[in-house]
Amino acid sequence: MLDFPRWKQLWLWSLALVLSLAALPSIFAVAGLSWPAALPAPRINLGLDLAGGSHILLEANPEQVRRQRLESMEEDVRARLRQADPQIRIGDISSKDGRVSFMVADPAQVDAAREQLQTLTSGAQLTGQRDWDLAVLDGNRIVLTPTKAGIDLAISQAMDTATEVVRKRIDALGTREPTIIRQGADRIVVQVPGLKDPAALKNLLGQTAKLEFKLVDGSAIPADVAQGIAPPGSEIVPCLDAGACGGVPALAVKRLGGIKGDQLANAQQSTDSQTNAAVVNITFDQQGGAKFAKLTTENVRKPFAIILDGKVLSAPVIEEPILGGTARISGSFTVETANQLAISLRSGALPVDLKVVEERSVGPDLGADSIEKGMIAFGVGTGLLVLFMMATYGRFGIYANSALVLNVLMILGVMAIMNTTLTLPGIAGFVLTIGAAVDANVLINERIREERARGRRVIQAVEMGYTEASRAIFDANITNVIAAVLMFLFGSGPVRGFAVVLMIGIVTSVFTAVTMTRLWVSGWLRRTRPNDIVL
């Protein structure tokens, strides 16, 4: 029906007006005009190819994931057998040669120990394969060997976690719409629009931020430590600054136990009120706070090392139990490095070290040239469409042109509200959408012509034209939306940028070309009641 109730008219106009006004801040920015600070200012972000910025390719070392799995399994074996049955005594545990092996002191307890460890060798994904192969050698030696399926799954999970940590760190910098995607099995691509100097980004992403609190082995002989020899159950960790470790270059710390930084709830850069030095205040979560309180309560007057990325920052003596779940990390920090460390700790430690294997800065010159040419293409295309529609369909062509202008504003408004990123392929999708936006009006107007040629009256011809043509319009655009959704789901980078603009453009063009022009035509027919129309 061509009749629109008053409430429906108000709703349609309000929707079109709100979305159109949302485009104004972006239009002002392109024109070089200032937008009033008191008003909301949704903006369309420009991608790396338009705004310039930094491109970094990070690579992980899969071998590190394998070593971490062995260390974790060694600790899990000790904890599981200790909790399950105190009578199961083990010794000579080792994680060398890519497997975890240990001796069971009493051969009669081998079966019991093996039964307890079966649950640690869970299936990899849904394949039914095991993460670890468990075998008994020489009667009382149990060997756990990681399977290929388990290693591949661990590497994939580590890279997924690393990608999320990288995203959190970049978001903490206040940078909008970075592109962070995995590439292959062990690489991550990072593109940050608007960031001209990648040095700070490299420093932030290159820091693993693996924080550990471990007890210093008081039984270690300084001469042996200097030669890299640690007592059994301990390891040598170099000091970031010899002054922070009592003048020695390295310390022997307990290899297992301690507290890891993945139990932090918060980390903030601060300033020491006495020394005026930059420090980082950390707060543990409930579980980490309880562990920290237990560690400091049981080891009063003993030194413990604060280790960051495999280096000792400091080794203070526990003067009294620390029960509040808070601690302070001090070292040779500047305000900037302390803030970077706080961001890294808040975002979580990277599960694997990431090495920068490629970096480049993209200047904005190409983007400015692309925007300029895109605007020229948009202007020429729109101008030709306007002339064609007016010359071919008269008043109905004017309605189609008005819908085209409204469509442009609504596309920009929706993109601004959704805080989407416009890339070079996005500009192509934008121009393509505008070029095809009047297709619906052509179908409607030609159908009205056919109905008039069959002898129908004006109102009947217009109503039949919109009703019949709308079916074909909706069918055609639904298939386009499906294609755009598939490109968005399975594409990446430029393909997704194109798909986003295409989806928005399809929805807004149908709204403006069908619904809004129908509203305008019905209003004109009610006012003038024409006996004939020129098409």
Protein backbone atom coordinates (compact mmCIF):
# COMPACT_ATOMS: atom_id res chain seq x y z
CA MET A 1 0.00 0.00 0.00
CA LEU A 2 1.18 3.53 -0.79
CA ASP A 3 -0.46 4.97 2.30
CA PHE A 4 2.03 5.66 5.16
CA PRO A 5 0.61 6.32 8.65
CA ARG A 6 1.92 9.40 10.43
CA TRP A 7 3.87 7.37 13.00
CA LYS A 8 5.59 5.39 10.26
CA GLN A 9 6.58 8.53 8.39
CA LEU A 10 8.08 10.02 11.55
CA TRP A 11 9.98 6.80 12.29
CA LEU A 12 11.44 6.55 8.77
CA TRP A 13 12.47 10.22 8.69
CA SER A 14 14.00 9.99 12.18
CA LEU A 15 16.07 6.94 11.23
CA ALA A 16 17.30 8.55 8.01
CA LEU A 17 18.09 11.82 9.81
CA VAL A 18 20.02 10.23 12.68
CA LEU A 19 22.17 8.09 10.38
CA SER A 20 22.79 11.01 8.03
CA LEU A 21 23.84 13.35 10.86
CA ALA A 22 26.27 10.68 12.12
CA ALA A 23 28.18 11.11 8.86
CA LEU A 24 28.80 14.84 9.36
CA PRO A 25 31.89 14.59 11.67
CA SER A 26 33.67 12.41 9.09
CA ILE A 27 32.68 14.77 6.27
CA PHE A 28 33.96 17.75 8.28
CA ALA A 29 37.27 15.93 8.88
CA VAL A 30 37.76 15.20 5.17
CA ALA A 31 36.93 18.82 4.33
CA GLY A 32 39.44 20.07 6.92
CA LEU A 33 36.75 21.69 9.08
CA SER A 34 36.53 21.48 12.87
CA TRP A 35 33.59 19.71 14.48
CA PRO A 36 32.14 21.26 17.70
CA ALA A 37 33.73 19.55 20.69
CA ALA A 38 30.47 19.58 22.65
CA LEU A 39 28.71 17.36 20.09
CA PRO A 40 29.13 13.60 19.65
CA ALA A 41 31.72 12.85 17.00
CA PRO A 42 31.57 9.30 15.62
CA ARG A 43 34.33 8.92 13.07
CA ILE A 44 35.28 6.54 10.30
CA ASN A 45 38.77 5.22 10.89
CA LEU A 46 41.17 5.01 7.97
CA GLY A 47 43.08 1.80 7.38
CA LEU A 48 46.82 1.40 7.02
CA ASP A 49 46.67 1.82 3.23
CA LEU A 50 44.90 5.19 3.55
CA ALA A 51 46.24 6.74 6.77
CA GLY A 52 49.73 5.23 6.74
CA GLY A 53 51.18 3.59 9.81
CA SER A 54 53.31 0.66 10.91
CA HIS A 55 53.44 -2.92 9.67
CA ILE A 56 55.20 -5.54 11.78
CA LEU A 57 55.52 -9.29 11.24
CA LEU A 58 56.16 -11.29 14.43
CA GLU A 59 57.46 -14.84 14.54
CA ALA A 60 57.38 -17.31 17.43
CA ASN A 61 59.78 -20.13 18.22
CA PRO A 62 57.82 -23.41 18.37
CA GLU A 63 60.71 -25.06 20.20
CA GLN A 64 60.04 -22.80 23.17
CA VAL A 65 56.48 -24.14 23.41
CA ARG A 66 57.86 -27.68 23.49
CA ARG A 67 60.24 -26.81 26.33
CA GLN A 68 57.45 -25.15 28.29
CA ARG A 69 55.27 -28.23 27.92
CA LEU A 70 58.04 -30.43 29.29
CA GLU A 71 58.62 -28.15 32.30
CA SER A 72 54.89 -27.94 32.99
CA MET A 73 54.50 -31.72 32.76
CA GLU A 74 57.43 -32.24 35.12
CA GLU A 75 55.79 -30.02 37.71
CA ASP A 76 52.39 -31.65 37.15
CA VAL A 77 53.88 -35.11 37.67
CA ARG A 78 55.42 -34.11 40.99
CA ALA A 79 52.20 -32.46 42.19
CA ARG A 80 49.89 -35.29 41.05
CA LEU A 81 51.88 -38.12 42.64
CA ARG A 82 52.47 -36.11 45.82
CA GLN A 83 48.73 -35.49 46.26
CA ALA A 84 47.58 -38.95 45.13
CA ASP A 85 49.66 -41.23 47.31
CA PRO A 86 52.55 -40.18 49.57
CA GLN A 87 53.88 -43.74 49.38
CA ILE A 88 54.72 -43.29 45.69
CA ARG A 89 58.25 -41.97 45.89
CA ILE A 90 60.01 -40.89 42.73
CA GLY A 91 63.49 -39.78 41.93
CA ASP A 92 65.83 -38.90 39.10
CA ILE A 93 63.12 -36.94 37.29
CA SER A 94 64.34 -35.34 34.07
CA SER A 95 62.91 -33.38 31.13
CA LYS A 96 65.86 -33.85 28.79
CA ASP A 97 65.82 -35.34 25.28
CA GLY A 98 62.33 -33.99 24.62
CA ARG A 99 60.53 -36.18 27.16
CA VAL A 100 59.80 -36.42 30.89
CA SER A 101 61.19 -39.48 32.64
CA PHE A 102 61.55 -40.54 36.27
CA MET A 103 62.21 -43.57 38.47
CA VAL A 104 59.63 -45.05 40.83
CA ALA A 105 61.50 -46.10 43.97
CA ASP A 106 59.25 -49.10 44.67
CA PRO A 107 58.56 -51.23 41.55
CA ALA A 108 55.32 -52.38 43.19
CA GLN A 109 54.02 -48.80 42.93
CA VAL A 110 54.65 -48.45 39.18
CA ASP A 111 51.11 -49.45 38.18
CA ALA A 112 49.60 -47.05 40.74
CA ALA A 113 51.80 -44.21 39.50
CA ARG A 114 50.92 -44.96 35.88
CA GLU A 115 47.20 -44.98 36.72
CA GLN A 116 47.48 -41.55 38.36
CA LEU A 117 49.26 -40.09 35.33
CA GLN A 118 46.77 -41.35 32.74
CA THR A 119 44.56 -38.27 33.21
CA LEU A 120 47.52 -35.98 32.37
CA THR A 121 47.70 -37.43 28.86
CA SER A 122 44.37 -36.10 27.61
CA GLY A 123 43.23 -36.37 24.00
CA ALA A 124 44.28 -33.73 21.48
CA GLN A 125 41.19 -31.89 20.19
CA LEU A 126 38.47 -34.36 19.16
CA THR A 127 40.69 -36.83 17.31
CA GLY A 128 41.03 -39.30 20.15
CA GLN A 129 44.82 -39.03 19.91
CA ARG A 130 46.83 -38.50 23.06
CA ASP A 131 48.78 -35.40 24.01
CA TRP A 132 51.43 -37.65 25.58
CA ASP A 133 52.55 -41.23 25.12
CA LEU A 134 53.10 -43.00 28.43
CA ALA A 135 55.45 -45.97 28.68
CA VAL A 136 57.26 -47.97 31.34
CA LEU A 137 60.92 -48.86 30.72
CA ASP A 138 63.27 -51.12 32.69
CA GLY A 139 60.49 -52.13 35.08
CA ASN A 140 60.34 -48.94 37.16
CA ARG A 141 61.09 -45.97 34.85
CA ILE A 142 58.08 -44.10 33.51
CA VAL A 143 58.54 -42.03 30.35
CA LEU A 144 56.12 -39.38 29.03
CA THR A 145 56.73 -38.36 25.40
CA PRO A 146 54.73 -35.53 23.77
CA THR A 147 52.87 -36.56 20.60
CA LYS A 148 52.86 -34.55 17.37
CA ALA A 149 49.11 -33.91 17.76
CA GLY A 150 49.66 -32.58 21.27
CA ILE A 151 52.55 -30.35 20.22
CA ASP A 152 50.62 -28.95 17.24
CA LEU A 153 47.65 -28.18 19.48
CA ALA A 154 49.89 -26.52 22.08
CA ILE A 155 51.55 -24.34 19.42
CA SER A 156 48.16 -23.35 17.99
CA GLN A 157 46.81 -22.46 21.44
CA ALA A 158 49.96 -20.50 22.26
CA MET A 159 49.66 -18.49 19.03
CA ASP A 160 45.97 -17.79 19.67
CA THR A 161 46.81 -16.54 23.16
CA ALA A 162 49.74 -14.50 21.84
CA THR A 163 47.47 -12.87 19.24
CA GLU A 164 45.01 -11.85 21.95
CA VAL A 165 47.78 -10.52 24.21
CA VAL A 166 49.19 -8.46 21.32
CA ARG A 167 45.71 -7.06 20.69
CA LYS A 168 45.28 -6.05 24.34
CA ARG A 169 48.67 -4.32 24.42
CA ILE A 170 47.98 -2.32 21.27
CA ASP A 171 44.50 -1.37 22.52
CA ALA A 172 46.12 -0.07 25.71
CA LEU A 173 48.11 2.39 23.58
CA GLY A 174 44.82 4.00 22.52
CA THR A 175 45.32 3.03 18.87
CA ARG A 176 42.10 2.44 16.96
CA GLU A 177 41.30 -0.44 14.66
CA PRO A 178 44.62 -2.28 14.39
CA THR A 179 44.76 -5.34 12.16
CA ILE A 180 46.12 -8.34 14.08
CA ILE A 181 45.90 -11.70 12.35
CA ARG A 182 47.74 -15.00 12.41
CA GLN A 183 49.81 -15.93 9.38
CA GLY A 184 50.72 -19.57 9.03
CA ALA A 185 51.48 -21.69 12.07
CA ASP A 186 53.86 -19.40 13.97
CA ARG A 187 53.52 -15.81 12.69
CA ILE A 188 51.38 -12.79 13.56
CA VAL A 189 50.83 -9.78 11.30
CA VAL A 190 50.31 -6.45 13.08
CA GLN A 191 49.21 -3.34 11.22
CA VAL A 192 48.57 -0.16 13.20
CA PRO A 193 47.14 2.78 11.20
CA GLY A 194 48.38 6.23 12.15
CA LEU A 195 51.48 5.02 14.04
CA LYS A 196 54.44 6.46 12.16
CA ASP A 197 57.24 5.29 14.46
CA PRO A 198 57.20 1.52 15.09
CA ALA A 199 59.98 1.64 17.72
CA ALA A 200 57.64 1.93 20.73
CA LEU A 201 55.38 -0.74 19.26
CA LYS A 202 58.33 -3.09 18.74
CA ASN A 203 59.50 -2.58 22.32
CA LEU A 204 56.02 -3.28 23.64
CA LEU A 205 55.39 -6.36 21.54
CA GLY A 206 58.92 -7.72 21.85
CA GLN A 207 58.62 -7.90 25.63
CA THR A 208 57.30 -11.27 26.74
CA ALA A 209 56.39 -9.87 30.20
CA LYS A 210 56.78 -13.26 31.83
CA LEU A 211 56.92 -12.34 35.51
CA GLU A 212 57.96 -14.86 38.16
CA PHE A 213 58.66 -14.80 41.88
CA LYS A 214 61.10 -17.54 42.89
CA LEU A 215 63.03 -18.27 46.05
CA VAL A 216 66.78 -17.76 45.94
CA ASP A 217 68.68 -20.99 46.67
CA GLY A 218 70.66 -20.15 49.79
CA SER A 219 72.68 -23.37 49.54
CA ALA A 220 74.29 -22.36 46.24
CA ILE A 221 78.03 -21.75 46.31
CA PRO A 222 78.88 -18.33 44.80
CA ALA A 223 81.90 -19.71 42.96
CA ASP A 224 79.78 -22.41 41.34
CA VAL A 225 77.07 -19.90 40.43
CA ALA A 226 79.70 -17.70 38.77
CA GLN A 227 80.68 -20.71 36.64
CA GLY A 228 77.04 -21.46 35.78
CA ILE A 229 76.75 -24.46 38.09
CA ALA A 230 73.49 -24.68 40.08
CA PRO A 231 72.54 -27.09 42.88
CA PRO A 232 70.07 -29.86 42.01
CA GLY A 233 66.55 -28.46 41.63
CA SER A 234 67.79 -24.93 40.94
CA GLU A 235 68.77 -22.90 37.90
CA ILE A 236 71.04 -19.94 37.17
CA VAL A 237 69.26 -16.71 36.22
CA PRO A 238 71.27 -13.65 35.11
CA CYS A 239 70.64 -10.31 36.76
CA LEU A 240 69.47 -7.33 34.77
CA ASP A 241 71.64 -5.14 36.99
CA ALA A 242 74.36 -6.53 39.25
CA GLY A 243 73.58 -3.84 41.84
CA ALA A 244 70.07 -5.21 42.25
CA CYS A 245 71.47 -8.67 43.07
CA GLY A 246 74.01 -7.68 45.68
CA GLY A 247 76.84 -7.11 43.22
CA VAL A 248 76.75 -10.53 41.54
CA PRO A 249 75.92 -11.06 37.86
CA ALA A 250 73.59 -14.02 38.44
CA LEU A 251 71.62 -15.88 41.10
CA ALA A 252 70.65 -19.51 41.68
CA VAL A 253 66.87 -19.81 42.17
CA LYS A 254 64.56 -22.75 42.79
CA ARG A 255 63.49 -24.05 39.38
CA LEU A 256 60.01 -25.20 40.39
CA GLY A 257 57.43 -23.60 42.61
CA GLY A 258 57.13 -19.89 43.15
CA ILE A 259 54.43 -17.64 41.68
CA LYS A 260 53.83 -16.69 38.07
CA GLY A 261 52.63 -13.38 36.74
CA ASP A 262 49.55 -14.88 35.09
CA GLN A 263 47.80 -14.48 38.45
CA LEU A 264 48.00 -10.68 38.39
CA ALA A 265 44.80 -8.65 38.56
CA ASN A 266 46.33 -5.24 37.85
CA ALA A 267 49.58 -3.38 37.28
CA GLN A 268 50.11 0.38 37.34
CA GLN A 269 53.10 2.63 36.86
CA SER A 270 53.84 4.73 39.94
CA THR A 271 56.58 6.74 41.64
CA ASP A 272 58.42 5.80 44.83
CA SER A 273 57.70 8.54 47.37
CA GLN A 274 61.16 8.23 48.96
CA THR A 275 63.48 7.81 45.96
CA ASN A 276 61.23 9.45 43.36
CA ALA A 277 62.06 6.54 41.04
CA ALA A 278 59.60 4.98 38.63
CA VAL A 279 58.16 1.69 39.88
CA VAL A 280 55.35 -0.68 38.97
CA ASN A 281 52.72 -1.56 41.57
CA ILE A 282 51.11 -4.97 41.03
CA THR A 283 48.01 -6.57 42.52
CA PHE A 284 47.39 -10.31 42.53
CA ASP A 285 44.02 -11.94 42.03
CA GLN A 286 42.50 -13.88 44.92
CA GLN A 287 44.31 -17.12 44.16
CA GLY A 288 47.62 -15.40 43.45
CA GLY A 289 47.31 -13.26 46.57
CA ALA A 290 46.81 -16.37 48.70
CA LYS A 291 49.89 -18.01 47.15
CA PHE A 292 51.95 -14.86 47.60
CA ALA A 293 50.90 -14.59 51.24
CA LYS A 294 51.83 -18.25 51.81
CA LEU A 295 55.20 -17.83 50.07
CA THR A 296 56.16 -14.78 52.09
CA THR A 297 54.84 -16.23 55.37
CA GLU A 298 56.83 -19.47 55.07
CA ASN A 299 60.06 -17.77 53.96
CA VAL A 300 60.50 -14.75 56.22
CA ARG A 301 64.08 -13.39 56.17
CA LYS A 302 64.86 -15.29 52.99
CA PRO A 303 65.56 -13.59 49.66
CA PHE A 304 63.28 -14.14 46.71
CA ALA A 305 63.95 -13.10 43.15
CA ILE A 306 61.62 -11.01 40.97
CA ILE A 307 62.29 -12.34 37.46
CA LEU A 308 61.10 -10.68 34.28
CA ASP A 309 61.67 -12.40 30.94
CA GLY A 310 64.43 -14.58 32.33
CA LYS A 311 66.36 -11.82 34.13
CA VAL A 312 66.37 -10.91 37.82
CA LEU A 313 65.09 -7.38 38.39
CA SER A 314 65.75 -7.48 42.13
CA ALA A 315 66.14 -9.98 44.97
CA PRO A 316 64.75 -8.42 48.15
CA VAL A 317 64.66 -10.17 51.51
CA ILE A 318 61.19 -11.00 52.82
CA GLU A 319 61.13 -8.93 56.01
CA GLU A 320 57.60 -9.89 56.99
CA PRO A 321 54.60 -11.71 55.46
CA ILE A 322 52.92 -9.76 52.66
CA LEU A 323 49.22 -10.45 53.12
CA GLY A 324 47.54 -7.74 51.06
CA GLY A 325 48.08 -9.34 47.67
CA THR A 326 50.13 -6.38 46.45
CA ALA A 327 53.81 -5.93 45.63
CA ARG A 328 56.13 -3.40 44.03
CA ILE A 329 58.60 -3.98 41.21
CA SER A 330 61.54 -1.61 41.16
CA GLY A 331 64.56 -1.40 38.91
CA SER A 332 66.29 0.95 36.50
CA PHE A 333 62.98 2.16 35.06
CA THR A 334 62.10 5.39 33.38
CA VAL A 335 58.48 6.53 33.48
CA GLU A 336 58.03 5.32 29.89
CA THR A 337 59.57 1.86 30.43
CA ALA A 338 57.67 1.43 33.69
CA ASN A 339 54.42 2.28 31.90
CA GLN A 340 55.23 -0.17 29.11
CA LEU A 341 55.92 -2.88 31.67
CA ALA A 342 52.63 -2.13 33.44
CA ILE A 343 50.74 -2.39 30.13
CA SER A 344 52.47 -5.67 29.34
CA LEU A 345 51.71 -7.15 32.76
CA ARG A 346 48.06 -6.03 32.62
CA SER A 347 47.66 -7.57 29.16
CA GLY A 348 49.18 -10.85 30.29
CA ALA A 349 52.45 -12.53 29.46
CA LEU A 350 53.07 -13.79 25.99
CA PRO A 351 53.06 -17.60 26.09
CA VAL A 352 55.97 -17.60 23.65
CA ASP A 353 58.65 -15.10 22.68
CA LEU A 354 57.88 -13.11 19.52
CA LYS A 355 60.67 -11.91 17.25
CA VAL A 356 60.22 -9.08 14.75
CA VAL A 357 61.16 -10.54 11.36
CA GLU A 358 59.77 -7.74 9.19
CA GLU A 359 58.86 -4.12 9.77
CA ARG A 360 57.99 -1.20 7.58
CA SER A 361 56.36 2.19 7.86
CA VAL A 362 53.70 3.11 5.35
CA GLY A 363 53.43 6.80 4.51
CA PRO A 364 50.08 8.57 4.05
CA ASP A 365 50.93 9.77 0.51
CA LEU A 366 49.44 6.73 -1.20
CA GLY A 367 46.34 6.97 0.98
CA ALA A 368 45.82 10.65 0.21
CA ASP A 369 46.18 9.94 -3.51
CA SER A 370 43.74 7.03 -3.24
CA ILE A 371 41.19 9.14 -1.38
CA GLU A 372 41.50 11.91 -3.95
CA LYS A 373 41.04 9.53 -6.89
CA GLY A 374 38.22 7.78 -5.07
CA MET A 375 36.45 11.10 -4.58
CA ILE A 376 36.91 11.91 -8.27
CA ALA A 377 35.48 8.53 -9.27
CA PHE A 378 32.60 8.99 -6.85
CA GLY A 379 31.89 12.52 -8.11
CA VAL A 380 31.99 11.62 -11.79
CA GLY A 381 29.91 8.49 -11.32
CA THR A 382 27.33 10.24 -9.18
CA GLY A 383 27.08 13.16 -11.60
CA LEU A 384 26.46 10.89 -14.59
CA LEU A 385 23.86 8.91 -12.64
CA VAL A 386 22.02 12.06 -11.61
CA LEU A 387 21.86 13.36 -15.19
CA PHE A 388 20.76 9.98 -16.56
CA MET A 389 17.98 9.49 -13.99
CA MET A 390 16.61 13.02 -14.40
CA ALA A 391 16.66 12.81 -18.18
CA THR A 392 15.05 9.38 -18.26
CA TYR A 393 12.46 9.46 -15.47
CA GLY A 394 11.77 13.14 -14.71
CA ARG A 395 10.20 13.61 -11.26
CA PHE A 396 10.79 9.96 -10.38
CA GLY A 397 14.42 10.47 -11.37
CA ILE A 398 14.64 13.36 -8.91
CA TYR A 399 13.33 11.06 -6.17
CA ALA A 400 15.93 8.45 -7.16
CA ASN A 401 18.71 11.06 -7.01
CA SER A 402 17.54 12.25 -3.59
CA ALA A 403 17.60 8.65 -2.40
CA LEU A 404 21.14 8.34 -3.77
CA VAL A 405 22.37 11.33 -1.77
CA LEU A 406 20.63 10.04 1.35
CA ASN A 407 22.17 6.64 0.74
CA VAL A 408 25.67 8.12 0.69
CA LEU A 409 25.10 9.90 3.99
CA MET A 410 23.59 6.84 5.61
CA ILE A 411 26.48 4.58 4.55
CA LEU A 412 28.97 7.02 6.06
CA GLY A 413 26.80 7.41 9.17
CA VAL A 414 26.49 3.66 9.77
CA MET A 415 30.25 3.20 9.28
CA ALA A 416 30.95 6.00 11.75
CA ILE A 417 28.55 4.64 14.37
CA MET A 418 30.00 1.13 14.02
CA ASN A 419 33.51 2.62 14.24
CA THR A 420 34.54 0.66 11.14
CA THR A 421 37.77 1.11 9.24
CA LEU A 422 37.78 2.36 5.66
CA THR A 423 40.45 0.79 3.48
CA LEU A 424 41.32 1.12 -0.19
CA PRO A 425 39.14 -1.89 -1.13
CA GLY A 426 36.46 -0.30 1.04
CA ILE A 427 36.50 2.76 -1.21
CA ALA A 428 36.04 0.42 -4.18
CA GLY A 429 33.08 -1.20 -2.43
CA PHE A 430 31.66 2.24 -1.63
CA VAL A 431 31.85 3.44 -5.25
CA LEU A 432 30.44 0.12 -6.48
CA THR A 433 27.51 0.35 -4.06
CA ILE A 434 26.70 3.90 -5.15
CA GLY A 435 26.88 2.90 -8.81
CA ALA A 436 24.41 0.09 -8.26
CA ALA A 437 22.16 1.97 -5.83
CA VAL A 438 19.78 3.26 -8.53
CA ASP A 439 19.23 -0.20 -10.00
CA ALA A 440 16.22 -0.65 -7.74
CA ASN A 441 14.70 2.63 -8.93
CA VAL A 442 15.25 1.66 -12.57
CA LEU A 443 13.38 -1.61 -11.98
CA ILE A 444 10.54 0.17 -10.17
CA ASN A 445 10.18 2.94 -12.77
CA GLU A 446 10.25 0.53 -15.70
CA ARG A 447 7.59 -1.61 -14.03
CA ILE A 448 5.40 1.49 -13.52
CA ARG A 449 5.80 2.26 -17.23
CA GLU A 450 4.63 -1.24 -18.12
CA GLU A 451 1.61 -0.98 -15.85
CA ARG A 452 0.63 2.39 -17.37
CA ALA A 453 1.02 0.91 -20.85
CA ARG A 454 -1.45 -1.80 -19.83
CA GLY A 455 -4.00 0.88 -19.02
CA ARG A 456 -3.85 0.97 -15.23
CA ARG A 457 -4.58 4.22 -13.47
CA VAL A 458 -1.73 6.25 -11.97
CA ILE A 459 -2.05 5.13 -8.35
CA GLN A 460 -2.62 1.51 -9.31
CA ALA A 461 0.36 1.56 -11.69
CA VAL A 462 2.66 3.06 -9.05
CA GLU A 463 1.48 0.63 -6.38
CA MET A 464 1.92 -2.38 -8.70
CA GLY A 465 5.31 -1.09 -9.80
CA TYR A 466 6.67 -0.93 -6.24
CA THR A 467 5.02 -4.19 -5.14
CA GLU A 468 6.13 -6.33 -8.06
CA ALA A 469 9.61 -4.84 -8.49
CA SER A 470 10.35 -5.07 -4.75
CA ARG A 471 10.29 -8.85 -4.90
CA ALA A 472 13.05 -9.00 -7.49
CA ILE A 473 14.99 -6.26 -5.68
CA PHE A 474 14.94 -8.09 -2.35
CA ASP A 475 15.84 -11.43 -3.95
CA ALA A 476 18.83 -9.93 -5.78
CA ASN A 477 20.13 -8.08 -2.74
CA ILE A 478 19.77 -11.05 -0.41
CA THR A 479 22.16 -13.01 -2.62
CA ASN A 480 24.56 -10.06 -2.57
CA VAL A 481 24.39 -9.92 1.23
CA ILE A 482 25.11 -13.65 1.45
CA ALA A 483 28.18 -13.19 -0.74
CA ALA A 484 29.34 -10.23 1.38
CA VAL A 485 28.85 -12.17 4.63
CA LEU A 486 30.90 -15.08 3.29
CA MET A 487 33.69 -12.70 2.22
CA PHE A 488 33.68 -11.18 5.70
CA LEU A 489 33.74 -14.53 7.50
CA PHE A 490 36.36 -16.24 5.39
CA GLY A 491 38.36 -13.26 4.13
CA SER A 492 40.94 -11.16 5.91
CA GLY A 493 42.31 -7.65 5.74
CA PRO A 494 41.32 -5.91 2.47
CA VAL A 495 38.66 -8.50 1.58
CA ARG A 496 36.86 -7.94 4.89
CA GLY A 497 37.04 -4.16 4.42
CA PHE A 498 35.37 -4.51 1.04
CA ALA A 499 32.73 -6.85 2.47
CA VAL A 500 31.82 -4.51 5.34
CA VAL A 501 31.20 -1.53 3.07
CA LEU A 502 29.30 -3.72 0.60
CA MET A 503 26.97 -5.09 3.29
CA ILE A 504 26.22 -1.66 4.71
CA GLY A 505 25.69 -0.23 1.23
CA ILE A 506 23.26 -2.98 0.21
CA VAL A 507 21.06 -2.48 3.26
CA THR A 508 20.99 1.33 3.05
CA SER A 509 20.44 1.37 -0.73
CA VAL A 510 17.40 -0.88 -0.43
CA PHE A 511 16.06 1.31 2.37
CA THR A 512 16.51 4.56 0.47
CA ALA A 513 15.70 3.35 -3.07
CA VAL A 514 12.57 1.42 -2.12
CA THR A 515 11.17 2.59 1.21
CA MET A 516 12.09 6.29 1.15
CA THR A 517 11.22 6.90 -2.52
CA ARG A 518 7.92 5.12 -1.93
CA LEU A 519 7.26 7.50 0.96
CA TRP A 520 8.02 10.53 -1.20
CA VAL A 521 5.96 9.29 -4.17
CA SER A 522 2.95 8.51 -1.96
CA GLY A 523 3.10 11.99 -0.45
CA TRP A 524 3.20 13.59 -3.90
CA LEU A 525 0.27 11.48 -5.14
CA ARG A 526 -1.85 12.38 -2.12
CA ARG A 527 -1.17 16.07 -2.56
CA THR A 528 -1.59 16.46 -6.33
CA ARG A 529 -3.77 13.53 -7.46
CA PRO A 530 -2.28 13.61 -11.02
CA ASN A 531 -4.17 12.14 -13.97
CA ASP A 532 -0.96 11.03 -15.64
CA ILE A 533 2.75 10.74 -14.94
CA VAL A 534 5.69 11.26 -17.25
CA LEU A 535 8.15 8.38 -17.25
